[in-house]
Amino acid sequence: MNSASKTSTASERQLLEAARNGDEDAYSQLIEPHRRELLAHCYRMLGSLPDAEDALQDALLSAWRGLSRFEGRSSLRSWLYTIATNACLKAIERRPKRVLPIDYGPAAHPHDGPGEPLVESVWVEPYPDEPLALEDGLAAPETRYEQRESVELAFIAALQHLPARQRAVLILRDVLGFSAREVAEALEATPASIDSALQRAHKTVDERLPEQSQQATLGSLDDVALRRVVGGYVDAWQRDDVDAITAMLAEEATWAMPPLPTWFGGREAIADFLRGWPLSGERPWRLVPTRANAQLAFGHYLWDPGKGAFLAHGISVLTLKGERIDDITVFLTPEAFGRFGLPDEVRP
């Protein structure tokens, strides 16, 4: 162990002892280095950042109350992940699983319009890259998925199709790199049952994931190509240019708008919908590039003549296939803009 590691370990012991004696500031310092990764873990489990924040709050409160029971046989990080995982499992018991519209029902006819939102919250929600930054690469050499790959929309949506304990096993083993023994202790199971659950989880997830992750796709494009996609998308929306957007789409592209269950499949269906509704020319748009789920994303602002400003409308997350756009998911949740560091309105 190097001197920095020894100092860090000694500091953690001091903070732990102070926290056990009721020092809330020491407890905050103790858990702060783990907060972001624990939040990402809860998001993978639950598919919703607000749900993840609630679960993490419950977990950290439980950890504070249970500090006296932490004996140091495992690392503090491992202990916190155990508590956070079980908080997520309890949350899953209380609500329906979250999905994307494409998994909820068949594609709609574009002339039928966007439909009505579901009252019940059943949708996967976007995850802002900033200020909740994720590390690049693998969490550990033995993991199967990279950290940024493991929050991509397709991966999060695939996870939600797993039974809750299989979901926990796959994330703990293949994203975070915990051993079968560690996961078995966290879930009060046997290593053999953990290995069996992991095999079943692989089968379900692999069937739902695209051949190439967005991290691989984005990594294959140079800066010029990425700027062309981003600039072309912004320009086309702001000029109501349906033909330009259509030209950027893959042939079998999809368009979805949670919380609306309606989605459209295929380049022509998407073009018909855009012409009839959002890009009919009735009101102009402004787009602000951002990042969500480690993918290209945009804040969409729609002109409000009464306010004399462009107001927050939705956050679109793009899934690319090469330079073509394969999927567009527009989350019609203006309340999420603050999480992305985006303003509520844009003045002309």
Protein backbone atom coordinates (compact mmCIF):
# COMPACT_ATOMS: atom_id res chain seq x y z
CA MET A 1 0.00 0.00 0.00
CA ASN A 2 1.44 3.41 -0.96
CA SER A 3 1.59 6.37 1.41
CA ALA A 4 -1.44 8.09 -0.16
CA SER A 5 -3.55 4.94 0.31
CA LYS A 6 -2.39 4.60 3.92
CA THR A 7 -3.30 8.23 4.61
CA SER A 8 -6.69 7.77 2.95
CA THR A 9 -7.40 4.62 4.97
CA ALA A 10 -6.38 6.31 8.22
CA SER A 11 -8.53 9.32 7.41
CA GLU A 12 -11.52 7.06 6.66
CA ARG A 13 -11.07 5.29 10.01
CA GLN A 14 -11.02 8.62 11.83
CA LEU A 15 -14.13 9.84 10.03
CA LEU A 16 -15.88 6.54 10.68
CA GLU A 17 -15.13 6.71 14.38
CA ALA A 18 -16.34 10.31 14.57
CA ALA A 19 -19.50 9.44 12.63
CA ARG A 20 -20.23 6.54 14.97
CA ASN A 21 -20.07 9.06 17.80
CA GLY A 22 -22.79 11.14 16.16
CA ASP A 23 -20.72 13.57 14.05
CA GLU A 24 -22.94 14.24 11.03
CA ASP A 25 -20.26 16.31 9.27
CA ALA A 26 -17.83 13.40 9.53
CA TYR A 27 -20.48 11.11 8.07
CA SER A 28 -21.03 13.48 5.14
CA GLN A 29 -17.27 13.52 4.44
CA LEU A 30 -17.18 9.75 4.70
CA ILE A 31 -19.88 9.09 2.10
CA GLU A 32 -19.26 12.02 -0.27
CA PRO A 33 -16.63 10.21 -2.39
CA HIS A 34 -19.20 7.46 -3.06
CA ARG A 35 -22.33 9.56 -3.63
CA ARG A 36 -22.16 9.97 -7.42
CA GLU A 37 -21.44 6.32 -8.17
CA LEU A 38 -24.16 5.20 -5.78
CA LEU A 39 -26.65 7.50 -7.51
CA ALA A 40 -25.70 6.03 -10.89
CA HIS A 41 -26.17 2.55 -9.40
CA CYS A 42 -29.65 3.43 -8.16
CA TYR A 43 -30.51 4.89 -11.56
CA ARG A 44 -29.46 1.67 -13.30
CA MET A 45 -31.66 -0.27 -10.89
CA LEU A 46 -34.71 2.02 -11.16
CA GLY A 47 -34.51 3.74 -14.58
CA SER A 48 -35.51 7.10 -13.08
CA LEU A 49 -33.29 9.78 -11.58
CA PRO A 50 -35.95 11.07 -9.13
CA ASP A 51 -36.56 7.49 -7.96
CA ALA A 52 -32.80 6.96 -7.71
CA GLU A 53 -32.38 10.09 -5.59
CA ASP A 54 -35.15 8.93 -3.24
CA ALA A 55 -33.65 5.44 -2.93
CA LEU A 56 -30.19 6.84 -2.28
CA GLN A 57 -31.54 9.17 0.39
CA ASP A 58 -33.22 6.20 2.09
CA ALA A 59 -30.02 4.17 1.80
CA LEU A 60 -27.77 6.85 3.27
CA LEU A 61 -30.20 7.40 6.13
CA SER A 62 -30.16 3.65 6.81
CA ALA A 63 -26.38 3.62 6.68
CA TRP A 64 -26.19 6.52 9.15
CA ARG A 65 -28.50 4.71 11.54
CA GLY A 66 -26.62 1.43 11.10
CA LEU A 67 -23.03 2.64 11.39
CA SER A 68 -22.61 0.87 14.69
CA ARG A 69 -23.22 -2.44 12.88
CA PHE A 70 -20.51 -1.82 10.28
CA GLU A 71 -17.67 -4.00 11.49
CA GLY A 72 -15.24 -3.37 8.66
CA ARG A 73 -15.20 -6.96 7.38
CA SER A 74 -15.95 -5.53 3.94
CA SER A 75 -14.99 -2.13 2.55
CA LEU A 76 -17.18 0.86 3.32
CA ARG A 77 -17.94 1.11 -0.41
CA SER A 78 -19.13 -2.47 -0.56
CA TRP A 79 -21.28 -1.96 2.55
CA LEU A 80 -22.88 1.16 1.06
CA TYR A 81 -23.63 -0.65 -2.19
CA THR A 82 -25.34 -3.43 -0.25
CA ILE A 83 -27.60 -0.93 1.52
CA ALA A 84 -28.31 1.02 -1.69
CA THR A 85 -29.12 -2.15 -3.62
CA ASN A 86 -31.60 -3.29 -1.02
CA ALA A 87 -33.20 0.17 -0.90
CA CYS A 88 -33.71 -0.11 -4.68
CA LEU A 89 -35.17 -3.61 -4.38
CA LYS A 90 -37.73 -2.28 -1.89
CA ALA A 91 -38.57 0.60 -4.24
CA ILE A 92 -39.11 -1.80 -7.15
CA GLU A 93 -41.66 -3.73 -5.07
CA ARG A 94 -43.78 -0.57 -4.74
CA ARG A 95 -44.14 0.45 -8.38
CA PRO A 96 -44.46 -0.91 -11.94
CA LYS A 97 -41.36 -1.45 -14.00
CA ARG A 98 -40.24 1.40 -16.24
CA VAL A 99 -40.00 0.96 -20.00
CA LEU A 100 -39.65 2.99 -23.19
CA PRO A 101 -42.73 3.44 -25.43
CA ILE A 102 -41.31 1.01 -28.00
CA ASP A 103 -41.57 -1.75 -25.35
CA TYR A 104 -45.05 -0.67 -24.24
CA GLY A 105 -47.11 -1.18 -27.38
CA PRO A 106 -47.08 -1.22 -31.20
CA ALA A 107 -46.09 1.71 -33.40
CA ALA A 108 -48.79 4.29 -34.13
CA HIS A 109 -49.94 5.71 -37.44
CA PRO A 110 -48.47 9.24 -37.84
CA HIS A 111 -51.80 10.75 -38.91
CA ASP A 112 -53.29 9.76 -35.55
CA GLY A 113 -51.08 12.33 -33.82
CA PRO A 114 -49.17 12.15 -30.57
CA GLY A 115 -51.92 10.72 -28.35
CA GLU A 116 -52.38 11.34 -24.63
CA PRO A 117 -49.88 10.82 -21.80
CA LEU A 118 -50.31 7.99 -19.34
CA VAL A 119 -51.19 9.13 -15.85
CA GLU A 120 -49.06 6.39 -14.28
CA SER A 121 -45.28 6.84 -14.32
CA VAL A 122 -44.02 3.81 -16.19
CA TRP A 123 -41.31 5.37 -18.34
CA VAL A 124 -37.56 5.17 -18.24
CA GLU A 125 -36.26 8.72 -17.69
CA PRO A 126 -33.07 10.44 -18.92
CA TYR A 127 -29.85 10.67 -16.92
CA PRO A 128 -27.80 13.89 -17.20
CA ASP A 129 -24.09 13.43 -17.89
CA GLU A 130 -23.32 16.66 -16.02
CA PRO A 131 -23.10 17.38 -13.14
CA LEU A 132 -23.40 13.63 -12.44
CA ALA A 133 -20.28 12.77 -14.42
CA LEU A 134 -19.32 9.12 -14.87
CA GLU A 135 -15.82 7.74 -15.20
CA ASP A 136 -14.65 6.44 -18.56
CA GLY A 137 -13.73 2.78 -19.02
CA LEU A 138 -14.36 -0.23 -16.82
CA ALA A 139 -14.94 -0.07 -13.07
CA ALA A 140 -12.79 -3.21 -12.73
CA PRO A 141 -10.88 -5.45 -15.19
CA GLU A 142 -13.35 -8.32 -14.82
CA THR A 143 -16.46 -6.26 -15.62
CA ARG A 144 -18.41 -6.73 -18.83
CA TYR A 145 -19.78 -3.21 -19.41
CA GLU A 146 -18.05 0.17 -19.34
CA GLN A 147 -19.30 2.79 -16.88
CA ARG A 148 -20.69 5.14 -19.54
CA GLU A 149 -22.06 2.26 -21.64
CA SER A 150 -24.00 1.09 -18.59
CA VAL A 151 -26.21 4.22 -18.51
CA GLU A 152 -27.06 4.25 -22.23
CA LEU A 153 -30.80 4.26 -22.87
CA ALA A 154 -30.81 0.84 -24.52
CA PHE A 155 -28.94 -0.70 -21.59
CA ILE A 156 -31.14 0.93 -18.94
CA ALA A 157 -34.29 -0.14 -20.83
CA ALA A 158 -32.96 -3.70 -21.15
CA LEU A 159 -32.22 -3.86 -17.41
CA GLN A 160 -35.82 -2.97 -16.56
CA HIS A 161 -36.98 -6.22 -18.22
CA LEU A 162 -35.06 -8.27 -15.67
CA PRO A 163 -36.57 -9.49 -12.40
CA ALA A 164 -35.33 -7.20 -9.65
CA ARG A 165 -32.75 -9.56 -8.12
CA GLN A 166 -31.34 -10.53 -11.54
CA ARG A 167 -31.02 -6.83 -12.28
CA ALA A 168 -29.08 -6.30 -9.07
CA VAL A 169 -26.82 -9.28 -9.76
CA LEU A 170 -25.96 -8.17 -13.29
CA ILE A 171 -25.19 -4.59 -12.23
CA LEU A 172 -23.12 -5.58 -9.20
CA ARG A 173 -21.16 -8.25 -11.10
CA ASP A 174 -20.85 -6.94 -14.68
CA VAL A 175 -20.90 -3.15 -14.18
CA LEU A 176 -19.27 -2.71 -10.77
CA GLY A 177 -17.03 -5.78 -10.61
CA PHE A 178 -18.08 -7.28 -7.29
CA SER A 179 -17.30 -10.97 -6.86
CA ALA A 180 -19.99 -13.67 -6.73
CA ARG A 181 -19.22 -14.08 -3.03
CA GLU A 182 -19.64 -10.35 -2.34
CA VAL A 183 -22.93 -10.23 -4.25
CA ALA A 184 -24.16 -13.34 -2.47
CA GLU A 185 -23.49 -11.69 0.89
CA ALA A 186 -25.24 -8.49 -0.21
CA LEU A 187 -28.35 -10.36 -1.39
CA GLU A 188 -28.26 -13.11 1.26
CA ALA A 189 -27.86 -15.84 -1.34
CA THR A 190 -25.26 -18.42 -2.36
CA PRO A 191 -22.50 -17.79 -4.93
CA ALA A 192 -23.94 -20.60 -7.05
CA SER A 193 -27.37 -18.96 -7.18
CA ILE A 194 -25.71 -15.65 -8.07
CA ASP A 195 -23.88 -17.26 -11.00
CA SER A 196 -27.14 -18.86 -12.18
CA ALA A 197 -29.02 -15.55 -11.96
CA LEU A 198 -26.24 -13.83 -13.88
CA GLN A 199 -26.44 -16.33 -16.74
CA ARG A 200 -30.21 -15.81 -17.04
CA ALA A 201 -29.76 -12.04 -16.92
CA HIS A 202 -27.17 -12.16 -19.71
CA LYS A 203 -29.60 -13.98 -21.98
CA THR A 204 -32.37 -11.40 -21.50
CA VAL A 205 -30.16 -8.33 -21.78
CA ASP A 206 -28.12 -9.58 -24.76
CA GLU A 207 -31.34 -10.17 -26.73
CA ARG A 208 -32.34 -6.53 -26.25
CA LEU A 209 -29.06 -4.68 -26.77
CA PRO A 210 -27.94 -3.40 -30.19
CA GLU A 211 -24.87 -4.94 -31.79
CA GLN A 212 -22.81 -1.85 -31.01
CA SER A 213 -22.99 0.41 -27.98
CA GLN A 214 -23.31 4.16 -28.36
CA GLN A 215 -19.87 4.56 -26.81
CA ALA A 216 -18.38 2.47 -29.62
CA THR A 217 -20.40 4.35 -32.24
CA LEU A 218 -19.50 7.78 -30.90
CA GLY A 219 -15.88 6.71 -30.58
CA SER A 220 -15.81 5.71 -34.25
CA LEU A 221 -16.84 9.21 -35.37
CA ASP A 222 -14.35 12.07 -35.51
CA ASP A 223 -15.09 15.55 -34.20
CA VAL A 224 -16.06 16.80 -37.66
CA ALA A 225 -18.67 14.07 -38.08
CA LEU A 226 -20.13 14.67 -34.61
CA ARG A 227 -20.34 18.40 -35.22
CA ARG A 228 -22.10 17.66 -38.50
CA VAL A 229 -24.74 15.58 -36.72
CA VAL A 230 -25.24 18.07 -33.87
CA GLY A 231 -25.21 21.15 -36.08
CA GLY A 232 -27.43 19.56 -38.72
CA TYR A 233 -30.02 18.46 -36.17
CA VAL A 234 -30.18 21.88 -34.48
CA ASP A 235 -30.35 23.73 -37.79
CA ALA A 236 -33.06 21.50 -39.25
CA TRP A 237 -35.31 21.90 -36.18
CA GLN A 238 -34.88 25.63 -36.04
CA ARG A 239 -35.77 25.95 -39.75
CA ASP A 240 -38.71 23.49 -39.53
CA ASP A 241 -36.88 21.48 -42.20
CA VAL A 242 -38.49 18.04 -42.12
CA ASP A 243 -36.63 16.91 -45.24
CA ALA A 244 -33.27 17.70 -43.63
CA ILE A 245 -34.15 15.72 -40.50
CA THR A 246 -35.48 12.84 -42.59
CA ALA A 247 -32.21 12.74 -44.52
CA MET A 248 -30.35 12.24 -41.21
CA LEU A 249 -32.46 9.22 -40.19
CA ALA A 250 -31.70 5.55 -40.62
CA GLU A 251 -34.34 3.73 -42.69
CA GLU A 252 -35.80 1.89 -39.67
CA ALA A 253 -35.46 4.80 -37.22
CA THR A 254 -37.89 5.19 -34.34
CA TRP A 255 -39.38 8.25 -32.65
CA ALA A 256 -40.82 8.14 -29.11
CA MET A 257 -42.12 10.79 -26.70
CA PRO A 258 -42.56 9.58 -23.13
CA PRO A 259 -44.79 10.13 -21.16
CA LEU A 260 -46.87 9.65 -24.32
CA PRO A 261 -47.13 5.93 -25.17
CA THR A 262 -47.22 6.82 -28.89
CA TRP A 263 -44.18 6.03 -31.02
CA PHE A 264 -43.49 5.91 -34.74
CA GLY A 265 -41.36 3.49 -36.71
CA GLY A 266 -39.60 4.16 -40.01
CA ARG A 267 -38.24 7.26 -41.71
CA GLU A 268 -41.43 8.11 -43.63
CA ALA A 269 -43.75 7.73 -40.63
CA ILE A 270 -41.52 10.03 -38.59
CA ALA A 271 -41.47 12.59 -41.42
CA ASP A 272 -45.28 12.53 -41.66
CA PHE A 273 -45.62 13.07 -37.92
CA LEU A 274 -43.11 15.94 -37.89
CA ARG A 275 -44.88 17.70 -40.76
CA GLY A 276 -48.27 17.35 -39.11
CA TRP A 277 -47.32 18.36 -35.58
CA PRO A 278 -44.05 19.68 -34.11
CA LEU A 279 -42.59 21.03 -37.38
CA SER A 280 -45.82 22.24 -38.96
CA GLY A 281 -44.49 25.81 -38.78
CA GLU A 282 -47.07 26.92 -36.24
CA ARG A 283 -44.44 27.93 -33.66
CA PRO A 284 -40.64 28.08 -33.93
CA TRP A 285 -38.12 26.06 -31.90
CA ARG A 286 -34.74 26.63 -30.32
CA LEU A 287 -32.43 23.72 -29.45
CA VAL A 288 -29.57 23.63 -26.94
CA PRO A 289 -27.10 20.71 -27.18
CA THR A 290 -26.50 18.74 -23.98
CA ARG A 291 -25.62 15.16 -23.01
CA ALA A 292 -27.86 12.48 -21.52
CA ASN A 293 -27.21 8.80 -20.86
CA ALA A 294 -23.71 9.28 -22.33
CA GLN A 295 -25.39 10.06 -25.67
CA LEU A 296 -26.03 13.12 -27.82
CA ALA A 297 -28.99 15.07 -26.48
CA PHE A 298 -30.77 18.39 -26.90
CA GLY A 299 -33.00 20.64 -24.86
CA HIS A 300 -36.00 21.61 -27.04
CA TYR A 301 -37.57 25.02 -26.44
CA LEU A 302 -40.90 26.02 -28.01
CA TRP A 303 -41.88 29.64 -28.67
CA ASP A 304 -44.53 31.07 -26.35
CA PRO A 305 -45.86 34.36 -27.76
CA GLY A 306 -47.45 35.29 -24.45
CA LYS A 307 -44.12 35.03 -22.63
CA GLY A 308 -42.08 36.38 -25.52
CA ALA A 309 -39.60 33.54 -25.00
CA PHE A 310 -38.82 29.95 -25.94
CA LEU A 311 -39.96 27.72 -23.05
CA ALA A 312 -38.58 24.34 -21.99
CA HIS A 313 -40.50 21.57 -23.75
CA GLY A 314 -38.55 18.32 -23.90
CA ILE A 315 -35.14 16.66 -23.91
CA SER A 316 -34.34 14.52 -26.94
CA VAL A 317 -31.76 11.74 -26.70
CA LEU A 318 -30.29 10.50 -29.98
CA THR A 319 -29.08 6.97 -30.67
CA LEU A 320 -26.78 6.83 -33.69
CA LYS A 321 -25.95 4.13 -36.19
CA GLY A 322 -22.82 5.50 -37.79
CA GLU A 323 -23.69 9.09 -38.70
CA ARG A 324 -27.38 8.22 -39.11
CA ILE A 325 -29.89 8.74 -36.33
CA ASP A 326 -31.43 5.39 -35.43
CA ASP A 327 -33.64 6.41 -32.51
CA ILE A 328 -34.93 9.71 -31.16
CA THR A 329 -36.48 9.65 -27.70
CA VAL A 330 -37.99 13.00 -26.71
CA PHE A 331 -38.70 13.13 -22.99
CA LEU A 332 -41.55 15.62 -22.63
CA THR A 333 -40.58 16.57 -19.10
CA PRO A 334 -39.75 20.30 -18.81
CA GLU A 335 -39.25 19.80 -15.08
CA ALA A 336 -36.10 17.78 -15.86
CA PHE A 337 -34.28 20.72 -17.48
CA GLY A 338 -32.82 21.93 -14.19
CA ARG A 339 -31.12 18.57 -13.66
CA PHE A 340 -29.33 19.08 -16.96
CA GLY A 341 -28.20 22.58 -16.08
CA LEU A 342 -30.54 23.95 -18.75
CA PRO A 343 -32.58 27.15 -18.28
CA ASP A 344 -36.36 27.12 -18.17
CA GLU A 345 -36.56 29.57 -21.03
CA VAL A 346 -34.43 31.00 -23.84
CA ARG A 347 -34.89 34.61 -24.93
CA PRO A 348 -34.64 35.48 -28.64
